[in-house]
Amino acid sequence: MLEVKVTIEAAELAAAVNNLAAAMNGAKPIPTGAAATQAPAPAMPNPMPAPTAPVAPPAPAAPAAQMNYPAPSVPLAAPPQYTVDQIMAAGATLMDAGKVNELMNLLHSFGVQAVMDLKPEQLGAFATAMRDLGAKI
């Protein structure tokens, strides 16, 4: 808690500050000096409401609607096309590196027994998977 001490030499100003502090704590201000001859100000309501049961935090707002922007018309390069010969050459380097089991597991994951059994549309994905094993293709 922060405590501030202020020394005020003007009696009326000191009384005003004390009344302000009292009003903030819910007490009625005490008229003093020139303020005593004036009509009393209406009592201020307690600025701090009485404590109540904890309130659950509000539910998160629904995310804003996603804006669908048209895709930019940037020409994209066609993915590289691989041949069976390129894949077989890359497979040979994996076999030389002692990764025969990994290569066989990869073939089986594509549902084939040999590179020659791969469908043309599988060659790109197979080449990418071979790269993950360390092949240079």
Protein backbone atom coordinates (compact mmCIF):
# COMPACT_ATOMS: atom_id res chain seq x y z
CA MET A 1 0.00 0.00 0.00
CA LEU A 2 1.25 3.47 -0.88
CA GLU A 3 1.14 6.13 1.82
CA VAL A 4 1.49 9.79 0.94
CA LYS A 5 2.07 12.44 3.62
CA VAL A 6 1.39 16.07 2.74
CA THR A 7 1.85 19.04 5.07
CA ILE A 8 -0.60 21.89 4.38
CA GLU A 9 -0.27 25.19 6.24
CA ALA A 10 -3.52 26.79 5.10
CA ALA A 11 -6.19 25.70 7.58
CA GLU A 12 -9.09 25.94 5.11
CA LEU A 13 -7.23 23.94 2.49
CA ALA A 14 -6.29 21.32 5.08
CA ALA A 15 -9.92 21.04 6.16
CA ALA A 16 -11.01 20.68 2.53
CA VAL A 17 -8.49 17.87 1.94
CA ASN A 18 -9.59 16.12 5.16
CA ASN A 19 -13.24 16.43 4.11
CA LEU A 20 -12.41 15.01 0.70
CA ALA A 21 -10.66 12.03 2.28
CA ALA A 22 -13.59 11.51 4.64
CA ALA A 23 -16.07 11.69 1.76
CA MET A 24 -14.08 9.11 -0.15
CA ASN A 25 -14.36 6.80 2.85
CA GLY A 26 -18.13 7.30 3.07
CA ALA A 27 -18.25 9.80 5.95
CA LYS A 28 -20.16 13.10 5.82
CA PRO A 29 -17.98 16.18 5.29
CA ILE A 30 -17.65 18.53 8.25
CA PRO A 31 -18.16 22.22 7.35
CA THR A 32 -15.35 24.47 8.62
CA GLY A 33 -14.33 28.11 8.21
CA ALA A 34 -15.92 29.88 5.23
CA ALA A 35 -17.50 26.64 4.09
CA ALA A 36 -19.47 26.51 7.38
CA THR A 37 -21.43 29.64 6.47
CA GLN A 38 -22.44 28.26 3.08
CA ALA A 39 -25.25 25.81 2.54
CA PRO A 40 -23.99 22.24 2.92
CA ALA A 41 -23.39 20.40 -0.31
CA PRO A 42 -25.58 17.38 -0.97
CA ALA A 43 -24.09 14.19 0.40
CA MET A 44 -22.17 12.21 -2.18
CA PRO A 45 -23.14 8.60 -2.61
CA ASN A 46 -20.54 6.08 -1.55
CA PRO A 47 -18.20 5.85 -4.56
CA MET A 48 -17.36 2.24 -3.75
CA PRO A 49 -20.33 -0.13 -4.01
CA ALA A 50 -20.72 -2.75 -1.33
CA PRO A 51 -18.90 -6.00 -2.16
CA THR A 52 -21.06 -8.55 -3.89
CA ALA A 53 -20.67 -12.14 -4.89
CA PRO A 54 -17.98 -12.67 -7.52
CA VAL A 55 -19.25 -12.31 -11.03
CA ALA A 56 -18.13 -14.72 -13.70
CA PRO A 57 -16.08 -13.07 -16.43
CA PRO A 58 -18.06 -12.33 -19.57
CA ALA A 59 -18.05 -15.01 -22.21
CA PRO A 60 -15.54 -14.33 -24.97
CA ALA A 61 -17.04 -12.57 -27.91
CA ALA A 62 -17.57 -14.55 -31.05
CA PRO A 63 -14.67 -14.10 -33.45
CA ALA A 64 -15.22 -11.53 -36.11
CA ALA A 65 -16.41 -12.85 -39.41
CA GLN A 66 -13.54 -13.88 -41.59
CA MET A 67 -13.14 -11.70 -44.62
CA ASN A 68 -12.73 -13.66 -47.81
CA TYR A 69 -10.37 -11.81 -50.03
CA PRO A 70 -9.76 -12.96 -53.57
CA ALA A 71 -6.51 -14.82 -54.00
CA PRO A 72 -3.82 -12.71 -55.63
CA SER A 73 -3.24 -13.58 -59.22
CA VAL A 74 0.45 -14.32 -58.87
CA PRO A 75 1.64 -16.92 -61.32
CA LEU A 76 2.95 -19.96 -59.51
CA ALA A 77 5.60 -22.30 -60.84
CA ALA A 78 4.45 -25.81 -61.56
CA PRO A 79 5.74 -28.39 -59.07
CA PRO A 80 8.73 -30.33 -60.34
CA GLN A 81 7.93 -33.54 -62.17
CA TYR A 82 9.97 -36.56 -61.15
CA THR A 83 10.69 -39.62 -63.21
CA VAL A 84 10.97 -43.17 -62.01
CA ASP A 85 14.66 -43.07 -63.01
CA GLN A 86 15.33 -40.03 -60.79
CA ILE A 87 13.60 -41.69 -57.85
CA MET A 88 15.48 -44.94 -58.38
CA ALA A 89 18.82 -43.09 -58.48
CA ALA A 90 17.96 -41.26 -55.24
CA GLY A 91 16.84 -44.57 -53.71
CA ALA A 92 20.22 -46.10 -54.59
CA THR A 93 22.00 -43.38 -52.61
CA LEU A 94 19.75 -44.10 -49.61
CA MET A 95 20.53 -47.81 -49.89
CA ASP A 96 24.26 -47.03 -50.03
CA ALA A 97 23.81 -44.98 -46.85
CA GLY A 98 22.36 -48.03 -45.09
CA LYS A 99 18.74 -46.86 -45.10
CA VAL A 100 17.29 -49.93 -46.83
CA ASN A 101 14.72 -50.58 -44.09
CA GLU A 102 13.55 -46.96 -44.08
CA LEU A 103 13.23 -47.02 -47.88
CA MET A 104 11.21 -50.26 -47.77
CA ASN A 105 8.93 -48.81 -45.06
CA LEU A 106 8.41 -45.76 -47.26
CA LEU A 107 7.47 -47.91 -50.24
CA HIS A 108 5.00 -49.87 -48.08
CA SER A 109 3.49 -46.63 -46.74
CA PHE A 110 2.62 -45.79 -50.37
CA GLY A 111 1.09 -49.25 -50.76
CA VAL A 112 3.68 -50.58 -53.24
CA GLN A 113 6.50 -53.13 -53.21
CA ALA A 114 8.79 -51.34 -55.69
CA VAL A 115 9.34 -47.88 -57.18
CA MET A 116 8.07 -49.19 -60.52
CA ASP A 117 4.63 -49.76 -58.86
CA LEU A 118 4.19 -46.09 -57.91
CA LYS A 119 1.50 -44.21 -59.82
CA PRO A 120 2.64 -41.05 -61.67
CA GLU A 121 0.65 -38.84 -59.24
CA GLN A 122 2.54 -40.42 -56.29
CA LEU A 123 6.03 -39.64 -57.57
CA GLY A 124 6.17 -36.06 -56.21
CA ALA A 125 5.04 -37.04 -52.70
CA PHE A 126 7.39 -40.04 -52.72
CA ALA A 127 10.32 -37.82 -53.73
CA THR A 128 9.48 -35.39 -50.91
CA ALA A 129 9.38 -38.26 -48.41
CA MET A 130 12.75 -39.49 -49.72
CA ARG A 131 14.20 -36.05 -49.04
CA ASP A 132 13.07 -36.42 -45.42
CA LEU A 133 15.21 -39.58 -45.30
CA GLY A 134 18.20 -37.66 -46.65
CA ALA A 135 18.00 -38.30 -50.41
CA LYS A 136 19.26 -35.61 -52.78
CA ILE A 137 16.60 -35.39 -55.43
